[in-house]
N, C-alpha and C. Protein backbone atom coordinates (compact mmCIF):
# COMPACT_ATOMS: atom_id res chain seq x y z
N MET A 1 14.95 12.29 -7.11
CA MET A 1 14.14 11.05 -7.13
C MET A 1 13.82 10.45 -6.00
N LYS A 2 15.15 10.85 -5.08
CA LYS A 2 15.06 10.09 -3.58
C LYS A 2 13.99 10.33 -3.00
N LYS A 3 13.18 11.91 -3.13
CA LYS A 3 11.82 12.41 -2.36
C LYS A 3 11.27 12.12 -3.29
N ILE A 4 11.42 11.77 -4.50
CA ILE A 4 9.92 11.01 -5.15
C ILE A 4 9.58 10.27 -4.11
N LEU A 5 10.14 9.40 -3.48
CA LEU A 5 9.72 7.66 -2.74
C LEU A 5 8.60 8.63 -1.86
N LEU A 6 8.95 9.12 -1.21
CA LEU A 6 8.55 9.85 0.08
C LEU A 6 6.75 10.93 -0.38
N LEU A 7 6.55 10.59 -1.34
CA LEU A 7 5.43 11.36 -2.72
C LEU A 7 4.15 10.30 -1.75
N GLY A 8 4.70 8.80 -2.02
CA GLY A 8 3.87 8.06 -2.50
C GLY A 8 2.18 7.86 -1.34
N PRO A 9 3.09 7.94 -0.27
CA PRO A 9 1.35 7.34 0.62
C PRO A 9 0.52 8.59 1.03
N ILE A 10 1.65 9.86 0.82
CA ILE A 10 1.03 10.96 0.94
C ILE A 10 -0.37 11.51 -0.01
N LEU A 11 0.49 11.40 -1.07
CA LEU A 11 -0.33 11.73 -2.89
C LEU A 11 -1.67 10.52 -3.06
N PHE A 12 -1.76 9.58 -1.83
CA PHE A 12 -3.14 8.33 -2.15
C PHE A 12 -4.34 8.63 -1.69
N THR A 13 -3.50 9.57 -0.28
CA THR A 13 -3.95 10.14 0.56
C THR A 13 -4.50 11.28 0.82
N VAL A 14 -3.63 12.44 0.24
CA VAL A 14 -4.41 13.22 -0.63
C VAL A 14 -6.14 13.42 -1.53
N VAL A 15 -5.44 12.08 -2.62
CA VAL A 15 -6.33 12.06 -3.34
C VAL A 15 -8.10 11.20 -3.48
N VAL A 16 -7.04 10.55 -2.18
CA VAL A 16 -8.71 9.56 -1.98
C VAL A 16 -10.07 10.64 -0.78
N THR A 17 -8.95 11.17 -0.42
CA THR A 17 -9.57 12.03 0.48
C THR A 17 -10.49 13.23 -0.06
N ALA A 18 -9.49 14.43 -1.39
CA ALA A 18 -10.91 14.56 -1.96
C ALA A 18 -11.46 14.21 -2.89
N LEU A 19 -11.26 12.93 -3.63
CA LEU A 19 -12.49 12.18 -4.11
C LEU A 19 -14.02 12.17 -3.80
N THR A 20 -12.82 11.27 -2.95
CA THR A 20 -14.14 10.80 -1.36
C THR A 20 -15.28 12.39 -1.01
N ILE A 21 -15.02 13.19 -0.87
CA ILE A 21 -15.25 15.02 -0.52
C ILE A 21 -15.75 14.75 -2.22
N LEU A 22 -15.44 15.01 -2.90
CA LEU A 22 -16.08 15.61 -4.54
C LEU A 22 -17.23 14.42 -5.18
N GLN A 23 -16.97 13.12 -4.93
CA GLN A 23 -17.82 12.80 -5.06
C GLN A 23 -18.57 11.96 -4.59
N TYR A 24 -19.20 12.41 -3.49
CA TYR A 24 -20.02 11.68 -2.06
C TYR A 24 -20.99 11.05 -2.74
N ASP A 25 -21.80 12.03 -3.25
CA ASP A 25 -23.12 11.56 -4.08
C ASP A 25 -23.30 10.76 -4.53
N PHE A 26 -22.07 10.87 -5.38
CA PHE A 26 -22.24 9.13 -5.92
C PHE A 26 -21.52 8.02 -5.52
N LEU A 27 -20.61 8.21 -4.49
CA LEU A 27 -20.78 7.05 -3.84
C LEU A 27 -22.07 6.50 -3.23
N ARG A 28 -22.61 7.56 -2.40
CA ARG A 28 -23.80 7.05 -2.06
C ARG A 28 -24.89 6.48 -2.40
N GLY A 29 -24.50 7.14 -4.27
CA GLY A 29 -25.79 6.40 -4.66
C GLY A 29 -25.17 4.95 -5.05
N LEU A 30 -23.84 4.19 -4.95
CA LEU A 30 -23.56 3.46 -5.06
C LEU A 30 -23.97 2.42 -4.00
N GLY A 31 -24.13 2.01 -2.52
CA GLY A 31 -24.51 2.55 -1.75
C GLY A 31 -23.46 2.51 -0.73
N TRP A 32 -22.60 3.33 -0.76
CA TRP A 32 -21.80 3.62 -0.32
C TRP A 32 -22.33 4.00 1.39
N HIS A 33 -21.85 3.95 2.54
CA HIS A 33 -21.68 4.44 3.78
C HIS A 33 -20.18 4.99 4.67
N PRO A 34 -19.85 5.62 5.35
CA PRO A 34 -18.83 5.89 5.32
C PRO A 34 -18.69 5.35 7.03
N ILE A 35 -19.66 5.80 7.53
CA ILE A 35 -19.73 4.72 8.47
C ILE A 35 -20.29 2.93 9.08
N HIS A 36 -21.63 2.94 8.29
CA HIS A 36 -21.97 1.86 8.40
C HIS A 36 -22.05 0.92 7.17
N ASP A 37 -21.60 0.81 5.48
CA ASP A 37 -20.07 0.60 5.25
C ASP A 37 -19.28 1.18 4.09
N PRO A 38 -18.19 0.95 5.14
CA PRO A 38 -16.54 1.97 4.04
C PRO A 38 -16.08 0.93 3.88
N THR A 39 -16.77 0.16 3.25
CA THR A 39 -15.88 -0.62 2.19
C THR A 39 -16.08 -1.15 1.00
N PHE A 40 -17.57 -0.52 0.49
CA PHE A 40 -18.83 -0.94 -0.13
C PHE A 40 -18.61 0.06 -1.27
N ASP A 41 -17.44 -0.55 -2.33
CA ASP A 41 -17.35 0.06 -3.68
C ASP A 41 -15.89 1.71 -3.63
N TRP A 42 -15.43 1.50 -1.62
CA TRP A 42 -14.72 2.09 -2.02
C TRP A 42 -13.47 1.88 -1.26
N PRO A 43 -12.48 2.33 -1.77
CA PRO A 43 -12.00 3.42 -2.57
C PRO A 43 -11.52 3.47 -3.91
N SER A 44 -12.40 2.10 -3.60
CA SER A 44 -11.93 1.49 -5.46
C SER A 44 -12.77 2.81 -6.75
N GLY A 45 -14.62 2.52 -5.84
CA GLY A 45 -15.23 2.88 -6.15
C GLY A 45 -15.16 4.57 -7.51
N LEU A 46 -14.34 5.20 -6.41
CA LEU A 46 -14.08 6.46 -6.86
C LEU A 46 -13.63 6.78 -8.26
N ALA A 47 -12.77 5.75 -9.34
CA ALA A 47 -12.26 5.40 -10.26
C ALA A 47 -13.64 4.57 -11.52
N LEU A 48 -14.39 4.59 -10.46
CA LEU A 48 -15.81 5.30 -11.36
C LEU A 48 -17.00 6.41 -11.38
N GLY A 49 -16.56 7.20 -10.33
CA GLY A 49 -16.80 8.54 -10.69
C GLY A 49 -16.87 9.32 -11.80
N PRO A 50 -17.87 10.31 -11.74
CA PRO A 50 -16.88 11.73 -12.73
C PRO A 50 -15.11 12.07 -13.33
N TYR A 51 -14.57 12.02 -11.28
CA TYR A 51 -13.19 11.84 -11.77
C TYR A 51 -13.07 11.23 -11.47
N GLY A 52 -13.80 10.39 -11.99
CA GLY A 52 -12.04 8.65 -11.96
C GLY A 52 -11.36 8.65 -12.50
N ILE A 53 -10.57 9.22 -13.45
CA ILE A 53 -9.44 9.28 -14.12
C ILE A 53 -8.15 9.46 -12.77
N ILE A 54 -8.53 10.30 -11.83
CA ILE A 54 -7.47 10.67 -11.35
C ILE A 54 -7.44 9.61 -10.18
N MET A 55 -8.28 9.47 -9.98
CA MET A 55 -7.79 8.00 -8.61
C MET A 55 -7.40 6.51 -9.91
N THR A 56 -7.48 6.87 -10.38
CA THR A 56 -7.24 5.39 -11.67
C THR A 56 -5.42 6.10 -11.79
N LEU A 57 -5.29 6.99 -12.17
CA LEU A 57 -4.14 7.07 -12.30
C LEU A 57 -2.73 7.37 -10.89
N THR A 58 -3.84 7.13 -9.30
CA THR A 58 -3.07 7.32 -8.79
C THR A 58 -2.71 6.79 -8.04
N PHE A 59 -3.78 5.37 -8.27
CA PHE A 59 -3.65 3.78 -8.87
C PHE A 59 -2.22 3.58 -9.01
N ILE A 60 -2.03 3.80 -10.13
CA ILE A 60 -0.77 3.28 -11.29
C ILE A 60 0.50 4.38 -10.66
N ILE A 61 0.56 5.58 -10.05
CA ILE A 61 1.70 6.37 -9.42
C ILE A 61 1.88 5.91 -8.02
N SER A 62 0.71 5.77 -7.06
CA SER A 62 1.22 5.10 -5.85
C SER A 62 1.93 3.99 -5.67
N GLY A 63 1.17 2.75 -6.56
CA GLY A 63 1.82 1.64 -7.10
C GLY A 63 3.19 1.41 -7.67
N CYS A 64 3.31 2.36 -8.22
CA CYS A 64 4.44 1.84 -8.88
C CYS A 64 5.67 2.66 -7.64
N LEU A 65 5.49 3.88 -7.36
CA LEU A 65 6.18 4.51 -6.38
C LEU A 65 6.11 3.44 -4.87
N ILE A 66 5.16 2.63 -4.51
CA ILE A 66 6.20 1.47 -3.62
C ILE A 66 7.19 0.53 -4.23
N ALA A 67 6.76 -0.25 -5.30
CA ALA A 67 7.83 -0.86 -5.85
C ALA A 67 9.31 0.25 -5.83
N LEU A 68 8.65 1.03 -6.24
CA LEU A 68 10.89 1.83 -6.72
C LEU A 68 11.08 1.60 -5.30
N LEU A 69 9.53 1.84 -3.78
CA LEU A 69 10.75 2.37 -2.77
C LEU A 69 11.34 0.58 -3.05
N ALA A 70 10.30 -0.02 -2.78
CA ALA A 70 10.76 -1.60 -2.89
C ALA A 70 12.13 -1.21 -2.59
N LEU A 71 12.71 -1.31 -4.35
CA LEU A 71 13.80 -1.59 -5.07
C LEU A 71 15.39 -0.80 -4.27
N ARG A 72 14.95 0.17 -3.30
CA ARG A 72 15.37 1.21 -2.87
C ARG A 72 16.02 0.77 -1.61
N LEU A 73 15.21 -0.21 -0.91
CA LEU A 73 15.31 -0.84 -0.16
C LEU A 73 16.09 -2.75 0.11
N TYR A 74 15.51 -3.16 -1.08
CA TYR A 74 16.61 -4.11 -1.84
C TYR A 74 18.06 -3.93 -1.43
N LEU A 75 18.44 -2.78 -2.60
CA LEU A 75 19.90 -2.72 -2.72
C LEU A 75 20.55 -2.05 -1.45
N ASN A 76 19.20 -0.84 -0.24
CA ASN A 76 20.37 -0.76 1.04
C ASN A 76 20.43 -2.01 1.47
N LEU A 77 19.15 -2.94 1.76
CA LEU A 77 19.80 -3.82 2.57
C LEU A 77 20.54 -5.20 2.34
N SER A 78 20.98 -4.83 0.63
CA SER A 78 21.35 -5.86 0.58
C SER A 78 22.96 -5.70 0.22
N THR A 79 23.40 -4.19 0.49
CA THR A 79 24.83 -3.26 0.45
C THR A 79 25.59 -3.18 1.97
N SER A 80 24.63 -3.73 2.86
CA SER A 80 25.09 -3.01 4.19
C SER A 80 26.24 -3.52 5.01
N SER A 81 27.14 -2.81 5.58
CA SER A 81 28.79 -3.33 5.01
C SER A 81 28.62 -4.42 6.64
N SER A 82 28.03 -4.85 7.20
CA SER A 82 28.65 -5.47 8.44
C SER A 82 28.38 -7.27 7.28
N GLN A 83 28.56 -7.82 8.30
CA GLN A 83 28.62 -8.83 7.81
C GLN A 83 27.60 -9.95 8.37
N ARG A 84 27.12 -9.19 9.62
CA ARG A 84 26.36 -10.22 10.58
C ARG A 84 25.18 -10.53 10.35
N LEU A 85 24.62 -9.36 8.80
CA LEU A 85 23.20 -8.98 8.74
C LEU A 85 23.03 -10.16 7.87
N GLN A 86 21.99 -10.83 8.33
CA GLN A 86 21.79 -11.85 8.14
C GLN A 86 20.41 -12.79 8.67
N PRO A 87 19.60 -12.83 8.19
CA PRO A 87 19.28 -13.96 6.99
C PRO A 87 19.16 -12.65 6.47
N ALA A 88 20.51 -12.62 4.56
CA ALA A 88 20.17 -11.64 3.63
C ALA A 88 19.08 -12.24 3.08
N THR A 89 17.97 -13.36 3.47
CA THR A 89 17.24 -14.11 2.71
C THR A 89 16.18 -13.37 3.00
N VAL A 90 15.63 -13.08 3.63
CA VAL A 90 14.57 -12.35 4.22
C VAL A 90 14.58 -10.94 4.52
N SER A 91 16.09 -11.03 4.37
CA SER A 91 15.63 -9.08 3.87
C SER A 91 14.92 -8.90 1.91
N LYS A 92 15.39 -9.19 1.55
CA LYS A 92 15.37 -9.51 -0.24
C LYS A 92 13.99 -9.78 -0.58
N ALA A 93 13.79 -11.32 0.37
CA ALA A 93 12.34 -12.03 -0.14
C ALA A 93 11.06 -10.62 0.67
N GLY A 94 11.68 -9.49 1.23
CA GLY A 94 10.42 -9.20 2.28
C GLY A 94 10.57 -8.32 0.98
N SER A 95 11.84 -7.60 0.55
CA SER A 95 11.41 -5.80 -0.84
C SER A 95 11.12 -6.69 -1.92
N ILE A 96 11.28 -7.90 -1.98
CA ILE A 96 10.69 -7.95 -3.29
C ILE A 96 9.21 -7.99 -2.82
N LEU A 97 8.59 -8.85 -2.15
CA LEU A 97 7.37 -9.23 -2.24
C LEU A 97 6.52 -7.69 -1.25
N LEU A 98 7.13 -6.67 -1.01
CA LEU A 98 6.80 -5.48 -0.79
C LEU A 98 6.62 -4.58 -2.59
N ALA A 99 7.70 -4.96 -3.26
CA ALA A 99 7.93 -4.38 -4.49
C ALA A 99 7.08 -5.51 -5.33
N PHE A 100 5.50 -6.78 -5.32
CA PHE A 100 4.75 -7.11 -5.71
C PHE A 100 3.87 -6.60 -5.09
N ALA A 101 4.20 -6.11 -3.77
CA ALA A 101 2.67 -4.96 -3.50
C ALA A 101 2.15 -4.12 -4.49
N GLY A 102 3.46 -3.63 -4.27
CA GLY A 102 3.27 -1.88 -5.02
C GLY A 102 2.58 -1.94 -6.81
N ILE A 103 3.15 -3.66 -7.07
CA ILE A 103 3.09 -3.40 -8.45
C ILE A 103 1.26 -3.64 -8.10
N ALA A 104 1.17 -4.68 -7.78
CA ALA A 104 -0.37 -5.34 -7.32
C ALA A 104 -1.47 -3.76 -6.80
N MET A 105 -1.04 -2.89 -6.60
CA MET A 105 -1.84 -1.73 -6.13
C MET A 105 -1.43 -1.28 -7.48
N ALA A 106 -1.31 -1.41 -8.26
CA ALA A 106 -0.96 -0.44 -9.60
C ALA A 106 -1.86 -0.51 -10.30
N CYS A 107 -2.04 -2.57 -10.22
CA CYS A 107 -2.96 -3.12 -10.79
C CYS A 107 -4.56 -2.63 -10.47
N LEU A 108 -4.92 -2.43 -9.50
CA LEU A 108 -6.16 -1.33 -8.78
C LEU A 108 -6.63 -0.54 -9.94
N SER A 109 -6.03 0.00 -11.04
CA SER A 109 -6.37 0.92 -11.45
C SER A 109 -7.19 -0.32 -12.86
N PHE A 110 -7.21 -1.33 -12.93
CA PHE A 110 -8.28 -2.53 -13.68
C PHE A 110 -9.28 -1.56 -12.81
N THR A 111 -10.64 -0.78 -13.72
CA THR A 111 -11.78 -0.05 -13.04
C THR A 111 -12.30 -1.54 -12.48
N THR A 112 -12.74 -0.96 -10.97
CA THR A 112 -13.64 -1.91 -10.23
C THR A 112 -15.20 -2.59 -11.46
N ASP A 113 -15.89 -3.22 -10.69
CA ASP A 113 -17.24 -2.42 -10.98
C ASP A 113 -17.79 -2.64 -9.71
N PRO A 114 -19.18 -2.47 -10.16
CA PRO A 114 -19.97 -1.65 -9.20
C PRO A 114 -20.94 -2.64 -8.21
N THR A 115 -20.89 -3.40 -7.55
CA THR A 115 -21.73 -4.34 -6.84
C THR A 115 -22.61 -4.07 -6.54
N ILE A 116 -23.50 -3.38 -6.86
CA ILE A 116 -25.40 -3.53 -7.39
C ILE A 116 -25.08 -3.04 -8.75
N ARG A 117 -25.04 -4.37 -9.33
CA ARG A 117 -25.52 -4.36 -10.98
C ARG A 117 -26.02 -5.13 -11.37
N ASP A 118 -26.31 -4.85 -12.56
CA ASP A 118 -27.64 -6.14 -13.79
C ASP A 118 -27.30 -6.85 -14.75
N THR A 119 -25.95 -6.65 -14.81
CA THR A 119 -24.68 -7.05 -16.01
C THR A 119 -23.31 -8.10 -15.69
N PRO A 120 -22.99 -8.97 -15.75
CA PRO A 120 -22.10 -10.01 -15.61
C PRO A 120 -20.82 -8.99 -14.95
N ALA A 121 -20.19 -9.21 -14.07
CA ALA A 121 -18.87 -9.01 -13.97
C ALA A 121 -17.92 -9.04 -15.09
N THR A 122 -17.23 -7.68 -15.32
CA THR A 122 -15.94 -7.40 -16.49
C THR A 122 -15.31 -8.08 -15.81
N TRP A 123 -13.89 -8.51 -17.38
CA TRP A 123 -12.63 -9.07 -16.98
C TRP A 123 -11.98 -8.11 -16.19
N HIS A 124 -12.36 -6.56 -15.98
CA HIS A 124 -11.57 -5.44 -15.77
C HIS A 124 -11.87 -5.96 -14.40
N GLY A 125 -13.15 -5.71 -14.09
CA GLY A 125 -13.11 -5.99 -12.50
C GLY A 125 -12.72 -7.16 -11.92
N GLN A 126 -12.99 -7.76 -12.77
CA GLN A 126 -12.01 -9.43 -11.87
C GLN A 126 -10.81 -9.09 -11.99
N LEU A 127 -9.98 -8.30 -12.53
CA LEU A 127 -8.52 -8.39 -11.92
C LEU A 127 -8.32 -7.58 -11.06
N HIS A 128 -9.33 -6.42 -11.01
CA HIS A 128 -8.89 -5.51 -9.55
C HIS A 128 -9.71 -6.26 -8.66
N ASP A 129 -10.12 -7.08 -8.61
CA ASP A 129 -10.24 -7.49 -7.37
C ASP A 129 -8.79 -9.27 -7.16
N LEU A 130 -8.33 -9.45 -7.67
CA LEU A 130 -7.82 -10.64 -8.26
C LEU A 130 -6.04 -9.50 -7.36
N SER A 131 -6.33 -7.88 -8.17
CA SER A 131 -5.23 -7.37 -7.53
C SER A 131 -5.10 -7.12 -6.21
N PHE A 132 -6.36 -6.99 -5.18
CA PHE A 132 -6.75 -6.22 -4.76
C PHE A 132 -6.22 -7.70 -3.41
N VAL A 133 -6.71 -8.84 -3.73
CA VAL A 133 -6.16 -10.23 -2.99
C VAL A 133 -5.02 -10.23 -2.41
N LEU A 134 -4.32 -9.91 -4.17
CA LEU A 134 -2.84 -9.91 -4.04
C LEU A 134 -1.85 -8.62 -3.49
N LEU A 135 -2.31 -7.76 -3.64
CA LEU A 135 -1.70 -6.53 -2.25
C LEU A 135 -2.50 -6.72 -0.82
N GLY A 136 -2.73 -7.75 -0.67
CA GLY A 136 -2.85 -8.38 1.41
C GLY A 136 -1.72 -9.58 1.12
N LEU A 137 -2.13 -10.99 0.05
CA LEU A 137 -1.62 -11.46 0.53
C LEU A 137 -0.26 -11.55 0.34
N SER A 138 0.96 -10.19 -0.77
CA SER A 138 1.85 -9.92 -0.47
C SER A 138 2.23 -9.11 0.34
N LEU A 139 1.93 -8.07 0.55
CA LEU A 139 2.20 -6.62 1.65
C LEU A 139 2.27 -7.40 2.84
N MET A 140 1.39 -8.20 3.16
CA MET A 140 2.03 -8.78 5.27
C MET A 140 3.20 -9.60 5.39
N PRO A 141 3.39 -10.86 4.39
CA PRO A 141 3.81 -11.55 4.62
C PRO A 141 5.75 -10.36 4.73
N SER A 142 5.27 -9.43 3.48
CA SER A 142 6.66 -8.32 3.53
C SER A 142 6.91 -7.91 4.26
N MET A 143 6.18 -7.27 5.09
CA MET A 143 5.43 -6.44 6.86
C MET A 143 6.83 -7.38 7.55
N LEU A 144 6.29 -8.91 7.77
CA LEU A 144 6.82 -9.73 8.75
C LEU A 144 7.97 -9.74 8.11
N MET A 145 8.99 -10.56 7.16
CA MET A 145 9.98 -10.23 6.46
C MET A 145 10.76 -9.47 6.98
N LEU A 146 10.61 -8.33 6.25
CA LEU A 146 11.25 -7.29 6.64
C LEU A 146 11.47 -6.28 8.19
N GLY A 147 10.41 -6.66 9.13
CA GLY A 147 10.62 -6.69 10.73
C GLY A 147 12.01 -7.39 10.57
N LYS A 148 11.90 -8.22 10.62
CA LYS A 148 12.28 -9.69 10.58
C LYS A 148 14.33 -9.10 10.77
N ALA A 149 14.28 -8.71 9.18
CA ALA A 149 15.54 -7.85 7.90
C ALA A 149 15.50 -6.55 9.06
N PHE A 150 14.88 -5.85 9.64
CA PHE A 150 15.21 -4.38 10.41
C PHE A 150 15.89 -5.05 11.44
N ARG A 151 15.35 -6.00 11.98
CA ARG A 151 15.94 -6.31 13.51
C ARG A 151 17.66 -6.33 13.53
N ASN A 152 18.19 -7.07 11.97
CA ASN A 152 19.58 -7.03 12.13
C ASN A 152 20.09 -6.07 11.69
N ASP A 153 19.56 -5.31 11.09
CA ASP A 153 20.51 -3.92 10.76
C ASP A 153 20.33 -2.69 11.91
N PRO A 154 21.47 -2.80 12.25
CA PRO A 154 21.41 -1.97 13.07
C PRO A 154 21.11 0.49 12.70
N ARG A 155 21.21 -0.15 11.66
CA ARG A 155 20.70 1.30 11.45
C ARG A 155 19.53 1.55 10.62
N TRP A 156 18.43 0.47 11.20
CA TRP A 156 17.02 0.47 11.10
C TRP A 156 16.18 -0.56 12.23
N ASN A 157 17.07 -1.25 13.28
CA ASN A 157 16.30 -2.49 13.79
C ASN A 157 15.62 -1.33 14.75
N HIS A 158 15.24 -0.23 15.12
CA HIS A 158 14.25 1.00 15.82
C HIS A 158 12.97 0.34 15.13
N LEU A 159 12.66 0.28 13.69
CA LEU A 159 11.20 0.39 13.07
C LEU A 159 11.22 -1.56 12.66
N SER A 160 11.96 -2.15 13.91
CA SER A 160 11.33 -3.58 13.90
C SER A 160 9.85 -3.95 14.54
N LEU A 161 10.07 -3.62 15.40
CA LEU A 161 8.97 -2.90 16.25
C LEU A 161 7.69 -3.02 16.22
N TYR A 162 8.12 -1.89 15.38
CA TYR A 162 6.84 -1.00 14.74
C TYR A 162 6.52 -1.64 13.26
N THR A 163 7.10 -2.14 13.18
CA THR A 163 6.90 -2.91 11.29
C THR A 163 5.73 -3.95 11.91
N TRP A 164 6.60 -4.76 13.02
CA TRP A 164 5.30 -6.24 12.84
C TRP A 164 3.88 -5.64 14.13
N LEU A 165 3.63 -4.75 14.78
CA LEU A 165 2.76 -4.13 15.39
C LEU A 165 1.90 -3.71 14.79
N THR A 166 2.41 -2.70 13.37
CA THR A 166 1.55 -2.54 12.15
C THR A 166 1.02 -3.55 11.50
N ALA A 167 2.18 -5.00 10.96
CA ALA A 167 0.81 -5.72 10.52
C ALA A 167 0.06 -6.38 11.30
N ALA A 168 0.43 -6.32 12.15
CA ALA A 168 -0.42 -6.85 13.52
C ALA A 168 -1.36 -6.04 13.89
N LEU A 169 -2.31 -5.29 13.81
CA LEU A 169 -2.79 -4.50 13.82
C LEU A 169 -3.39 -4.24 12.80
N ALA A 170 -3.03 -4.48 11.08
CA ALA A 170 -3.16 -4.08 9.78
C ALA A 170 -3.95 -5.56 9.71
N LEU A 171 -3.75 -6.49 9.75
CA LEU A 171 -3.65 -8.31 9.28
C LEU A 171 -5.40 -8.43 9.49
N PRO A 172 -5.94 -7.87 10.68
CA PRO A 172 -7.79 -8.20 10.93
C PRO A 172 -7.80 -7.65 9.88
N THR A 173 -7.42 -6.17 10.15
CA THR A 173 -8.60 -5.56 9.72
C THR A 173 -9.23 -5.00 8.20
N PHE A 174 -7.91 -6.21 7.79
CA PHE A 174 -7.56 -5.84 5.96
C PHE A 174 -8.81 -6.67 5.46
N PHE A 175 -9.26 -7.14 6.19
CA PHE A 175 -10.40 -9.32 6.54
C PHE A 175 -11.84 -8.75 6.72
N LEU A 176 -11.77 -7.41 7.62
CA LEU A 176 -12.77 -6.21 7.70
C LEU A 176 -13.63 -5.64 7.35
N LYS A 177 -15.25 -6.05 7.30
CA LYS A 177 -15.28 -5.57 6.48
C LYS A 177 -16.32 -3.76 6.74
N GLY A 178 -16.13 -3.59 8.32
CA GLY A 178 -16.37 -1.81 8.85
C GLY A 178 -15.53 -0.80 9.01
N ALA A 179 -15.47 -0.28 9.56
CA ALA A 179 -15.20 1.45 9.53
C ALA A 179 -13.42 0.76 10.24
N ALA A 180 -13.13 0.00 10.49
CA ALA A 180 -11.73 -1.15 11.28
C ALA A 180 -10.78 -0.51 9.61
N PHE A 181 -11.26 -0.88 8.38
CA PHE A 181 -10.96 -0.96 7.39
C PHE A 181 -10.11 0.43 7.31
N TYR A 182 -10.80 1.19 7.47
CA TYR A 182 -9.85 3.15 7.03
C TYR A 182 -8.71 3.32 8.96
N VAL A 183 -8.37 2.12 9.94
CA VAL A 183 -7.53 1.86 10.26
C VAL A 183 -6.43 1.16 9.91
N PHE A 184 -6.64 0.03 8.74
CA PHE A 184 -6.21 -0.81 8.03
C PHE A 184 -5.88 0.38 7.06
N LEU A 185 -5.63 0.82 6.16
CA LEU A 185 -5.36 2.33 5.22
C LEU A 185 -4.29 2.35 6.32
N PHE A 186 -5.04 3.29 7.28
CA PHE A 186 -4.00 4.40 7.52
C PHE A 186 -2.42 3.99 8.22
N ALA A 187 -3.02 3.49 8.67
CA ALA A 187 -1.39 2.13 9.51
C ALA A 187 -0.40 2.04 8.67
N ILE A 188 -1.11 1.22 7.03
CA ILE A 188 -0.30 0.81 6.40
C ILE A 188 0.15 2.53 5.83
N LEU A 189 -0.23 2.82 5.09
CA LEU A 189 -0.22 4.45 4.48
C LEU A 189 1.05 4.88 5.07
N VAL A 190 1.30 5.25 6.91
CA VAL A 190 2.01 5.19 7.77
C VAL A 190 3.53 5.19 8.23
N TRP A 191 3.63 3.20 7.52
CA TRP A 191 3.76 2.73 7.90
C TRP A 191 4.88 2.81 6.36
N VAL A 192 4.34 3.05 4.95
CA VAL A 192 5.35 3.54 3.64
C VAL A 192 6.10 4.71 3.97
N GLU A 193 5.29 5.42 4.81
CA GLU A 193 6.01 6.07 4.61
C GLU A 193 7.10 6.84 6.07
N VAL A 194 7.09 5.88 6.77
CA VAL A 194 7.87 5.79 7.62
C VAL A 194 9.12 5.18 7.21
N VAL A 195 9.24 4.37 6.52
CA VAL A 195 10.32 3.28 5.56
C VAL A 195 10.58 4.46 4.63
N ALA A 196 9.76 4.86 4.11
CA ALA A 196 10.40 6.19 3.30
C ALA A 196 11.10 7.43 3.80
N ILE A 197 10.70 7.40 5.09
CA ILE A 197 12.07 9.01 5.86
C ILE A 197 13.22 8.41 5.80
N ARG A 198 13.00 6.67 6.56
CA ARG A 198 14.25 6.69 6.76
C ARG A 198 14.73 6.29 6.13
N LEU A 199 14.67 5.81 4.64
CA LEU A 199 15.59 5.36 3.68
C LEU A 199 15.97 6.70 3.17
N HIS A 200 15.03 7.70 3.31
CA HIS A 200 15.96 9.22 2.68
C HIS A 200 17.22 9.25 3.69
N ALA A 201 16.84 8.98 5.07
CA ALA A 201 18.04 9.76 5.81
C ALA A 201 18.84 9.16 5.85
N ILE A 202 18.78 7.67 5.22
CA ILE A 202 20.25 6.72 5.64
C ILE A 202 21.02 6.84 4.04
N CYS A 203 20.27 7.03 3.16
CA CYS A 203 20.97 7.92 1.68
C CYS A 203 21.62 9.06 2.40
N ASN A 204 20.94 9.96 2.39
CA ASN A 204 21.91 11.16 2.74
C ASN A 204 22.99 11.37 3.89
N GLU A 205 22.96 10.34 4.37
CA GLU A 205 24.15 10.22 5.60
C GLU A 205 25.50 9.62 5.06
N LYS A 206 24.62 8.95 4.22
CA LYS A 206 26.44 8.65 2.58
C LYS A 206 26.75 9.42 1.78
N LYS A 207 26.65 11.12 1.98
CA LYS A 207 27.17 11.61 1.34
C LYS A 207 27.95 12.68 1.93
């Protein structure tokens, strides 16, 4: 189970890359361009293509794995043997917000609406857009809080500055529509993988 948590960012990266290549012409038909307009119906638009079900399932699986990672992190930070690991509220809140981010990512499985269309927005397209907003609103605060929690835990303190720097790098690119979005996506996926690897290592140390 613990090793499965390591697969979330890897699965998402592999699937998005593969589907982008396989559905390149379809994405271009939607108005997407890898350099000039990389966020135009990407990566959500991958769920609209001929292999869209794969992207939909990937949103669900990757989001659930992040939520499970957050749960394991919550338990790990809450059961520290050190009595000085305060504020406990920060570690719990950060883990809970990360879990919400995972749930929001899973909810991206509600199929998006193509930007260029002649029909009104659908209910599932509106839920998709709302989920994306909630993902950003929960992920960034969770990283800031977990950076503080990591700083107060000797098992995690070497990841504190890295967590804050990742959040500082990703935050502005989350709102940008250009190629900087790739930076946001890559930085977040790497951070989640690093946290999962560290958590796996700590759990193994207890054996």
